[in-house]
C-alpha atoms as a PDB file:
ATOM      1  CA  GLN A   1      -2.773 -64.379  85.612  1.00  0.00           C
ATOM      2  CA  GLU A   2      -1.338 -65.344  82.089  1.00  0.00           C
ATOM      3  CA  ASN A   3       0.295 -62.672  79.713  1.00  0.00           C
ATOM      4  CA  LEU A   4      -0.237 -63.690  75.969  1.00  0.00           C
ATOM      5  CA  VAL A   5       1.910 -61.777  73.387  1.00  0.00           C
ATOM      6  CA  GLU A   6       1.059 -62.089  69.645  1.00  0.00           C
ATOM      7  CA  SER A   7       3.456 -61.279  66.780  1.00  0.00           C
ATOM      8  CA  GLY A   8       3.782 -61.926  62.949  1.00  0.00           C
ATOM      9  CA  GLY A   9       1.227 -59.653  61.550  1.00  0.00           C
ATOM     10  CA  GLY A  10       1.586 -57.292  58.862  1.00  0.00           C
ATOM     11  CA  LEU A  11       0.638 -56.618  55.057  1.00  0.00           C
ATOM     12  CA  VAL A  12       0.433 -59.094  52.663  1.00  0.00           C
ATOM     13  CA  GLN A  13      -0.858 -59.616  49.084  1.00  0.00           C
ATOM     14  CA  ALA A  14      -3.483 -62.019  48.195  1.00  0.00           C
ATOM     15  CA  GLY A  15      -2.156 -65.103  47.691  1.00  0.00           C
ATOM     16  CA  GLY A  16       0.688 -64.688  50.245  1.00  0.00           C
ATOM     17  CA  SER A  17       1.400 -66.102  53.596  1.00  0.00           C
ATOM     18  CA  LEU A  18       2.039 -65.133  57.056  1.00  0.00           C
ATOM     19  CA  ARG A  19       2.859 -66.917  60.261  1.00  0.00           C
ATOM     20  CA  LEU A  20       1.509 -65.666  63.700  1.00  0.00           C
ATOM     21  CA  SER A  21       2.979 -66.555  66.913  1.00  0.00           C
ATOM     22  CA  CYS A  22       1.853 -66.098  70.388  1.00  0.00           C
ATOM     23  CA  THR A  23       3.915 -66.824  73.467  1.00  0.00           C
ATOM     24  CA  VAL A  24       1.998 -68.328  76.613  1.00  0.00           C
ATOM     25  CA  SER A  25       3.987 -69.478  79.789  1.00  0.00           C
ATOM     26  CA  GLY A  26       1.253 -72.224  80.829  1.00  0.00           C
ATOM     27  CA  ARG A  27       0.232 -75.265  79.145  1.00  0.00           C
ATOM     28  CA  TYR A  28      -3.445 -74.688  77.978  1.00  0.00           C
ATOM     29  CA  ALA A  29      -5.694 -75.664  75.014  1.00  0.00           C
ATOM     30  CA  MET A  30      -4.978 -72.548  72.899  1.00  0.00           C
ATOM     31  CA  GLY A  31      -7.204 -70.818  70.372  1.00  0.00           C
ATOM     32  CA  TRP A  32      -6.779 -67.966  67.524  1.00  0.00           C
ATOM     33  CA  PHE A  33      -9.902 -65.774  66.678  1.00  0.00           C
ATOM     34  CA  ARG A  34     -10.223 -62.603  64.525  1.00  0.00           C
ATOM     35  CA  GLN A  35     -11.972 -59.545  64.341  1.00  0.00           C
ATOM     36  CA  ALA A  36     -12.729 -57.347  61.475  1.00  0.00           C
ATOM     37  CA  PRO A  37     -13.761 -53.801  61.626  1.00  0.00           C
ATOM     38  CA  GLY A  38     -17.196 -53.589  62.620  1.00  0.00           C
ATOM     39  CA  LYS A  39     -17.703 -57.234  62.925  1.00  0.00           C
ATOM     40  CA  GLU A  40     -17.841 -59.669  66.050  1.00  0.00           C
ATOM     41  CA  ARG A  41     -14.717 -61.792  67.146  1.00  0.00           C
ATOM     42  CA  ASN A  42     -14.770 -65.037  65.381  1.00  0.00           C
ATOM     43  CA  PHE A  43     -13.287 -68.366  65.890  1.00  0.00           C
ATOM     44  CA  VAL A  44     -10.423 -69.392  63.511  1.00  0.00           C
ATOM     45  CA  ALA A  45      -8.711 -72.431  65.040  1.00  0.00           C
ATOM     46  CA  ALA A  46      -7.514 -74.328  68.406  1.00  0.00           C
ATOM     47  CA  ILE A  47      -5.228 -76.717  69.565  1.00  0.00           C
ATOM     48  CA  TRP A  48      -5.035 -79.107  72.363  1.00  0.00           C
ATOM     49  CA  GLY A  49      -3.194 -82.255  72.943  1.00  0.00           C
ATOM     50  CA  GLY A  50      -2.718 -83.694  69.291  1.00  0.00           C
ATOM     51  CA  SER A  51      -6.132 -82.394  68.315  1.00  0.00           C
ATOM     52  CA  THR A  52      -6.939 -79.090  66.299  1.00  0.00           C
ATOM     53  CA  ILE A  53     -10.221 -77.694  64.998  1.00  0.00           C
ATOM     54  CA  TYR A  54     -10.767 -75.084  62.423  1.00  0.00           C
ATOM     55  CA  ALA A  55     -13.189 -72.731  61.266  1.00  0.00           C
ATOM     56  CA  ASP A  56     -14.791 -73.788  57.858  1.00  0.00           C
ATOM     57  CA  SER A  57     -13.431 -70.535  56.079  1.00  0.00           C
ATOM     58  CA  VAL A  58      -9.800 -71.371  56.700  1.00  0.00           C
ATOM     59  CA  LYS A  59      -9.708 -75.105  56.446  1.00  0.00           C
ATOM     60  CA  GLY A  60      -6.844 -76.300  54.200  1.00  0.00           C
ATOM     61  CA  ARG A  61      -5.318 -72.941  54.201  1.00  0.00           C
ATOM     62  CA  PHE A  62      -4.318 -72.192  57.940  1.00  0.00           C
ATOM     63  CA  THR A  63      -2.491 -74.476  60.399  1.00  0.00           C
ATOM     64  CA  ILE A  64      -2.278 -74.278  63.936  1.00  0.00           C
ATOM     65  CA  SER A  65       0.561 -75.880  65.934  1.00  0.00           C
ATOM     66  CA  ARG A  66       2.757 -75.286  69.139  1.00  0.00           C
ATOM     67  CA  ASP A  67       6.160 -75.817  70.290  1.00  0.00           C
ATOM     68  CA  ASN A  68       6.191 -76.517  74.036  1.00  0.00           C
ATOM     69  CA  THR A  69       9.820 -76.190  74.171  1.00  0.00           C
ATOM     70  CA  LYS A  70       9.459 -72.675  73.323  1.00  0.00           C
ATOM     71  CA  ASN A  71       5.869 -71.881  75.011  1.00  0.00           C
ATOM     72  CA  THR A  72       4.757 -70.711  71.497  1.00  0.00           C
ATOM     73  CA  VAL A  73       1.691 -71.604  69.538  1.00  0.00           C
ATOM     74  CA  TYR A  74       1.521 -70.522  65.786  1.00  0.00           C
ATOM     75  CA  LEU A  75      -0.912 -69.858  63.137  1.00  0.00           C
ATOM     76  CA  GLN A  76       0.371 -70.494  59.501  1.00  0.00           C
ATOM     77  CA  MET A  77      -1.822 -68.659  57.292  1.00  0.00           C
ATOM     78  CA  ASN A  78      -1.513 -69.624  53.510  1.00  0.00           C
ATOM     79  CA  SER A  79      -3.378 -68.657  50.323  1.00  0.00           C
ATOM     80  CA  LEU A  80      -4.427 -65.386  51.873  1.00  0.00           C
ATOM     81  CA  LYS A  81      -7.552 -63.555  50.808  1.00  0.00           C
ATOM     82  CA  PRO A  82      -8.374 -60.078  51.488  1.00  0.00           C
ATOM     83  CA  GLU A  83     -11.438 -61.171  53.369  1.00  0.00           C
ATOM     84  CA  ASP A  84      -8.912 -62.733  56.159  1.00  0.00           C
ATOM     85  CA  THR A  85      -7.992 -59.257  56.855  1.00  0.00           C
ATOM     86  CA  ALA A  86      -8.610 -58.522  60.698  1.00  0.00           C
ATOM     87  CA  VAL A  87      -6.980 -58.391  63.862  1.00  0.00           C
ATOM     88  CA  TYR A  88      -5.783 -61.612  64.927  1.00  0.00           C
ATOM     89  CA  TYR A  89      -5.934 -62.688  68.846  1.00  0.00           C
ATOM     90  CA  CYS A  90      -4.540 -65.631  70.783  1.00  0.00           C
ATOM     91  CA  ALA A  91      -6.557 -66.969  73.708  1.00  0.00           C
ATOM     92  CA  ALA A  92      -5.912 -69.409  76.444  1.00  0.00           C
ATOM     93  CA  ASN A  93      -8.734 -72.047  77.583  1.00  0.00           C
ATOM     94  CA  THR A  94      -7.477 -73.210  81.099  1.00  0.00           C
ATOM     95  CA  ALA A  95     -10.147 -75.698  81.201  1.00  0.00           C
ATOM     96  CA  ASN A  96      -8.127 -77.502  78.533  1.00  0.00           C
ATOM     97  CA  SER A  97     -11.283 -78.068  76.211  1.00  0.00           C
ATOM     98  CA  LEU A  98     -11.158 -77.998  72.264  1.00  0.00           C
ATOM     99  CA  THR A  99     -13.744 -75.591  71.738  1.00  0.00           C
ATOM    100  CA  THR A 100     -14.856 -72.971  69.238  1.00  0.00           C
ATOM    101  CA  ALA A 101     -16.772 -71.198  71.920  1.00  0.00           C
ATOM    102  CA  ARG A 102     -15.387 -67.668  72.760  1.00  0.00           C
ATOM    103  CA  ASN A 103     -16.494 -67.274  76.360  1.00  0.00           C
ATOM    104  CA  PHE A 104     -14.621 -70.646  77.340  1.00  0.00           C
ATOM    105  CA  TYR A 105     -11.157 -68.805  76.726  1.00  0.00           C
ATOM    106  CA  ASP A 106     -10.001 -66.895  80.013  1.00  0.00           C
ATOM    107  CA  TYR A 107      -7.079 -65.092  78.637  1.00  0.00           C
ATOM    108  CA  TRP A 108      -6.402 -62.940  75.533  1.00  0.00           C
ATOM    109  CA  GLY A 109      -3.625 -61.572  74.010  1.00  0.00           C
ATOM    110  CA  GLN A 110      -3.531 -57.783  72.625  1.00  0.00           C
ATOM    111  CA  GLY A 111      -3.912 -58.761  68.978  1.00  0.00           C
ATOM    112  CA  THR A 112      -2.004 -58.301  65.602  1.00  0.00           C
ATOM    113  CA  GLN A 113      -3.276 -56.768  62.472  1.00  0.00           C
ATOM    114  CA  VAL A 114      -3.190 -58.954  59.482  1.00  0.00           C
ATOM    115  CA  THR A 115      -3.932 -57.056  56.302  1.00  0.00           C
ATOM    116  CA  VAL A 116      -4.285 -58.750  52.852  1.00  0.00           C
ATOM    117  CA  SER A 117      -4.491 -56.488  49.533  1.00  0.00           C
ATOM    118  CA  SER A 118      -6.198 -57.604  46.747  1.00  0.00           C
END
């Protein structure tokens, strides 16, 4: 059983930046998802090995990275928009595939709120 812990959410003005962190003990493919009120949980970004993939809505603004020495995965979010407001979740894919599909992720964090004001 993995225990994922996110941190770094908060309130920021449009155009601002935030960095989310997620600690995980194992070495897995990792993803970030987000869920706005009343909407489905959607893919944001994923990383495995030296490869990354992003949702079209965040390409060029968000960067996923990891520091294996700290067992931490990051999501750097720049040029934030009000429509980025959501609860952000990190997730671990123990099959170690780079995928946008939510059902491939086995373990989930508790989520961290990101609110972008206009």
